[in-house]
Amino acid sequence: MAKNQKQVTRKSSKRERKMKIIIYIMIIAMVLSSLTTGLVMFL
């Protein structure tokens, strides 16, 4: 029972990490796109 629980927790943590990384990448992409559009408007 304990072994199975440990495996489940590990899988969930890995999924959470992947989701966090994806969210961070999306936020960075949004900021970069907004900055580039702002630069284009200024130029």
N, C-alpha and C. Protein backbone atom coordinates (compact mmCIF):
# COMPACT_ATOMS: atom_id res chain seq x y z
N MET A 1 0.84 -1.21 0.00
CA MET A 1 0.00 0.00 0.00
C MET A 1 0.88 1.26 0.00
N ALA A 2 1.87 1.30 0.87
CA ALA A 2 2.72 2.49 0.98
C ALA A 2 3.47 2.73 -0.33
N LYS A 3 3.98 1.65 -0.92
CA LYS A 3 4.73 1.80 -2.17
C LYS A 3 3.84 2.41 -3.26
N ASN A 4 2.62 1.91 -3.37
CA ASN A 4 1.71 2.44 -4.39
C ASN A 4 1.44 3.93 -4.16
N GLN A 5 1.23 4.31 -2.92
CA GLN A 5 0.96 5.73 -2.60
C GLN A 5 2.14 6.60 -3.03
N LYS A 6 3.37 6.13 -2.76
CA LYS A 6 4.56 6.92 -3.12
C LYS A 6 4.61 7.12 -4.63
N GLN A 7 4.34 6.07 -5.39
CA GLN A 7 4.37 6.18 -6.86
C GLN A 7 3.34 7.20 -7.33
N VAL A 8 2.16 7.16 -6.76
CA VAL A 8 1.09 8.09 -7.17
C VAL A 8 1.53 9.53 -6.90
N THR A 9 2.09 9.79 -5.72
CA THR A 9 2.50 11.16 -5.37
C THR A 9 3.58 11.62 -6.35
N ARG A 10 4.52 10.74 -6.69
CA ARG A 10 5.59 11.12 -7.61
C ARG A 10 4.99 11.53 -8.95
N LYS A 11 4.05 10.73 -9.46
CA LYS A 11 3.42 11.04 -10.76
C LYS A 11 2.72 12.39 -10.71
N SER A 12 1.97 12.65 -9.64
CA SER A 12 1.23 13.92 -9.53
C SER A 12 2.21 15.09 -9.51
N SER A 13 3.31 14.96 -8.76
CA SER A 13 4.29 16.05 -8.67
C SER A 13 4.89 16.32 -10.04
N LYS A 14 5.19 15.25 -10.79
CA LYS A 14 5.75 15.43 -12.13
C LYS A 14 4.76 16.18 -13.01
N ARG A 15 3.49 15.79 -12.94
CA ARG A 15 2.46 16.47 -13.75
C ARG A 15 2.38 17.94 -13.35
N GLU A 16 2.37 18.21 -12.05
CA GLU A 16 2.30 19.60 -11.57
C GLU A 16 3.49 20.40 -12.09
N ARG A 17 4.68 19.79 -12.04
CA ARG A 17 5.88 20.50 -12.54
C ARG A 17 5.69 20.84 -14.00
N LYS A 18 5.25 19.87 -14.80
CA LYS A 18 5.06 20.11 -16.25
C LYS A 18 4.06 21.23 -16.46
N MET A 19 2.96 21.20 -15.73
CA MET A 19 1.94 22.25 -15.87
C MET A 19 2.53 23.62 -15.50
N LYS A 20 3.28 23.68 -14.40
CA LYS A 20 3.89 24.96 -13.99
C LYS A 20 4.83 25.47 -15.06
N ILE A 21 5.65 24.57 -15.63
CA ILE A 21 6.61 24.98 -16.67
C ILE A 21 5.84 25.52 -17.87
N ILE A 22 4.77 24.82 -18.26
CA ILE A 22 3.98 25.26 -19.43
C ILE A 22 3.38 26.64 -19.14
N ILE A 23 2.85 26.84 -17.94
CA ILE A 23 2.24 28.13 -17.59
C ILE A 23 3.29 29.24 -17.63
N TYR A 24 4.49 28.95 -17.07
CA TYR A 24 5.57 29.96 -17.08
C TYR A 24 5.94 30.32 -18.51
N ILE A 25 6.05 29.30 -19.39
CA ILE A 25 6.42 29.54 -20.79
C ILE A 25 5.36 30.42 -21.46
N MET A 26 4.07 30.11 -21.19
CA MET A 26 2.97 30.89 -21.78
C MET A 26 3.04 32.34 -21.32
N ILE A 27 3.28 32.57 -20.03
CA ILE A 27 3.35 33.94 -19.50
C ILE A 27 4.52 34.68 -20.14
N ILE A 28 5.69 34.02 -20.24
CA ILE A 28 6.87 34.66 -20.84
C ILE A 28 6.55 35.00 -22.30
N ALA A 29 5.91 34.09 -23.02
CA ALA A 29 5.57 34.33 -24.42
C ALA A 29 4.64 35.54 -24.53
N MET A 30 3.65 35.64 -23.63
CA MET A 30 2.72 36.78 -23.66
C MET A 30 3.48 38.08 -23.42
N VAL A 31 4.36 38.10 -22.42
CA VAL A 31 5.12 39.32 -22.11
C VAL A 31 6.00 39.71 -23.30
N LEU A 32 6.69 38.73 -23.89
CA LEU A 32 7.57 39.01 -25.04
C LEU A 32 6.75 39.57 -26.20
N SER A 33 5.60 38.96 -26.48
CA SER A 33 4.77 39.42 -27.60
C SER A 33 4.29 40.85 -27.35
N SER A 34 3.87 41.14 -26.11
CA SER A 34 3.39 42.49 -25.79
C SER A 34 4.54 43.49 -25.92
N LEU A 35 5.73 43.11 -25.47
CA LEU A 35 6.89 44.02 -25.57
C LEU A 35 7.23 44.28 -27.04
N THR A 36 7.24 43.23 -27.85
CA THR A 36 7.57 43.39 -29.28
C THR A 36 6.54 44.28 -29.95
N THR A 37 5.26 44.09 -29.67
CA THR A 37 4.22 44.92 -30.27
C THR A 37 4.41 46.38 -29.84
N GLY A 38 4.75 46.60 -28.56
CA GLY A 38 4.98 47.96 -28.05
C GLY A 38 6.15 48.60 -28.78
N LEU A 39 7.23 47.85 -28.97
CA LEU A 39 8.41 48.38 -29.69
C LEU A 39 8.01 48.74 -31.13
N VAL A 40 7.25 47.88 -31.77
CA VAL A 40 6.82 48.13 -33.15
C VAL A 40 6.00 49.41 -33.21
N MET A 41 5.10 49.59 -32.24
CA MET A 41 4.26 50.80 -32.21
C MET A 41 5.15 52.05 -32.04
N PHE A 42 6.14 51.97 -31.16
CA PHE A 42 7.03 53.12 -30.95
C PHE A 42 7.86 53.42 -32.20
N LEU A 43 8.37 52.34 -32.84
CA LEU A 43 9.21 52.53 -34.04
C LEU A 43 8.31 52.98 -35.20
